[in-house]
Amino acid sequence: MKNLFLATCFAAGVTVTPVAMAGPGDGSYSHAMMARATTLTRALAQHVHFNEAQYLSVKQLHLNMLTERRDLEIMLNGASAEERDTQLAQAQQRYETELAGILQPQQLLAYQNLRTNFTAHRLK
């Protein structure tokens, strides 16, 4: 896997379980989801140095991405693999577009280099 987003989504999907008080689409975040968004943001910040406003924006973007992924998993339960892949690819594209809007050009280049060089063995 060369895509950081897909790898983190997969890891998030394995480690984050929906909590009863965090229902689909209600905007609430479980403690696990908040922790995962913080972890994703800090990991990205090590390679793409953010200012404080960008850090907060990227963390909110990660919360939105994790919420969208949770909601998609609930809505697409029982759907075909092709439909799930299509929906997840569209969610990934939205994430990439929103992230590009937050980052400055040199930060975006650093992010793209990170994505290009990322491999699954670095997840450990």
Protein backbone atom coordinates (compact mmCIF):
# COMPACT_ATOMS: atom_id res chain seq x y z
CA MET A 1 0.00 0.00 0.00
CA LYS A 2 1.50 3.23 -1.08
CA ASN A 3 -1.28 5.48 0.07
CA LEU A 4 -1.01 6.85 3.58
CA PHE A 5 -4.70 7.65 3.71
CA LEU A 6 -5.82 4.14 2.81
CA ALA A 7 -3.40 2.63 5.30
CA THR A 8 -4.58 4.90 8.07
CA CYS A 9 -8.22 4.31 7.15
CA PHE A 10 -7.64 0.59 7.30
CA ALA A 11 -5.89 0.92 10.65
CA ALA A 12 -8.65 3.19 11.90
CA GLY A 13 -11.27 0.75 10.73
CA VAL A 14 -9.55 -2.06 12.60
CA THR A 15 -8.98 -0.09 15.81
CA VAL A 16 -11.97 2.25 16.06
CA THR A 17 -15.37 0.80 16.82
CA PRO A 18 -18.54 2.83 16.84
CA VAL A 19 -19.76 3.76 20.32
CA ALA A 20 -23.46 3.73 21.14
CA MET A 21 -23.49 7.43 21.99
CA ALA A 22 -21.76 8.28 18.71
CA GLY A 23 -24.45 7.59 16.14
CA PRO A 24 -24.11 7.94 12.39
CA GLY A 25 -24.31 11.49 11.17
CA ASP A 26 -24.89 13.11 14.57
CA GLY A 27 -21.47 14.80 14.72
CA SER A 28 -20.50 13.28 18.07
CA TYR A 29 -17.05 11.85 18.51
CA SER A 30 -16.13 8.94 20.72
CA HIS A 31 -13.01 9.09 22.86
CA ALA A 32 -11.39 6.50 20.58
CA MET A 33 -12.18 8.58 17.50
CA MET A 34 -10.73 11.73 19.09
CA ALA A 35 -7.59 9.82 20.05
CA ARG A 36 -7.26 8.36 16.54
CA ALA A 37 -7.66 11.78 14.91
CA THR A 38 -4.98 13.19 17.23
CA THR A 39 -2.65 10.29 16.41
CA LEU A 40 -3.17 10.71 12.65
CA THR A 41 -2.61 14.47 12.86
CA ARG A 42 0.54 14.15 14.96
CA ALA A 43 1.96 11.51 12.64
CA LEU A 44 1.35 13.71 9.62
CA ALA A 45 2.72 16.77 11.44
CA GLN A 46 6.05 14.98 11.90
CA HIS A 47 6.55 14.98 8.14
CA VAL A 48 4.52 18.00 7.04
CA HIS A 49 5.15 20.75 9.54
CA PHE A 50 1.95 22.66 10.33
CA ASN A 51 1.33 25.96 12.00
CA GLU A 52 -1.21 25.88 14.82
CA ALA A 53 -4.19 26.82 12.67
CA GLN A 54 -3.30 24.15 10.11
CA TYR A 55 -2.86 21.56 12.88
CA LEU A 56 -6.36 22.28 14.15
CA SER A 57 -7.81 22.23 10.62
CA VAL A 58 -6.11 18.94 9.78
CA LYS A 59 -7.28 17.40 13.06
CA GLN A 60 -10.86 18.44 12.26
CA LEU A 61 -10.41 17.02 8.75
CA HIS A 62 -9.30 13.71 10.29
CA LEU A 63 -12.33 13.72 12.60
CA ASN A 64 -14.57 14.35 9.59
CA MET A 65 -12.83 11.58 7.63
CA LEU A 66 -13.17 9.08 10.48
CA THR A 67 -16.83 10.00 10.96
CA GLU A 68 -17.52 9.67 7.25
CA ARG A 69 -15.77 6.29 7.18
CA ARG A 70 -17.80 5.10 10.19
CA ASP A 71 -21.01 6.26 8.56
CA LEU A 72 -20.09 4.61 5.25
CA GLU A 73 -19.32 1.31 6.97
CA ILE A 74 -22.74 1.39 8.62
CA MET A 75 -24.60 2.42 5.45
CA LEU A 76 -22.72 0.02 3.19
CA ASN A 77 -23.00 -3.01 5.44
CA GLY A 78 -23.91 -5.80 3.06
CA ALA A 79 -23.10 -3.79 -0.07
CA SER A 80 -20.91 -5.23 -2.78
CA ALA A 81 -17.15 -4.83 -2.56
CA GLU A 82 -17.25 -2.70 -5.70
CA GLU A 83 -19.76 -0.28 -4.15
CA ARG A 84 -17.73 -0.02 -0.93
CA ASP A 85 -14.54 0.59 -2.91
CA THR A 86 -16.24 3.29 -4.98
CA GLN A 87 -17.62 5.08 -1.93
CA LEU A 88 -14.31 4.86 -0.04
CA ALA A 89 -12.41 6.14 -3.08
CA GLN A 90 -14.75 9.13 -3.29
CA ALA A 91 -14.26 9.79 0.44
CA GLN A 92 -10.49 9.60 -0.05
CA GLN A 93 -10.67 12.07 -2.93
CA ARG A 94 -12.65 14.51 -0.76
CA TYR A 95 -10.04 14.14 1.99
CA GLU A 96 -7.18 14.77 -0.44
CA THR A 97 -8.92 17.82 -1.90
CA GLU A 98 -9.67 19.34 1.51
CA LEU A 99 -6.13 18.64 2.73
CA ALA A 100 -4.68 20.30 -0.37
CA GLY A 101 -6.76 23.37 0.46
CA ILE A 102 -5.25 23.54 3.95
CA LEU A 103 -1.60 23.00 3.05
CA GLN A 104 0.80 25.47 1.50
CA PRO A 105 2.52 24.40 -1.74
CA GLN A 106 5.75 23.20 -0.08
CA GLN A 107 3.73 21.30 2.55
CA LEU A 108 1.62 19.69 -0.15
CA LEU A 109 4.78 18.59 -1.92
CA ALA A 110 6.09 17.07 1.33
CA TYR A 111 2.77 15.26 1.80
CA GLN A 112 2.81 13.92 -1.76
CA ASN A 113 6.40 12.72 -1.28
CA LEU A 114 5.37 11.02 1.95
CA ARG A 115 2.47 9.30 0.21
CA THR A 116 4.67 8.18 -2.65
CA ASN A 117 7.31 6.72 -0.34
CA PHE A 118 4.91 5.21 2.18
CA THR A 119 4.79 1.45 2.40
CA ALA A 120 2.83 -0.90 4.64
CA HIS A 121 5.89 -2.07 6.58
CA ARG A 122 6.21 1.43 8.07
CA LEU A 123 2.92 0.97 9.93
CA LYS A 124 4.69 -1.01 12.65
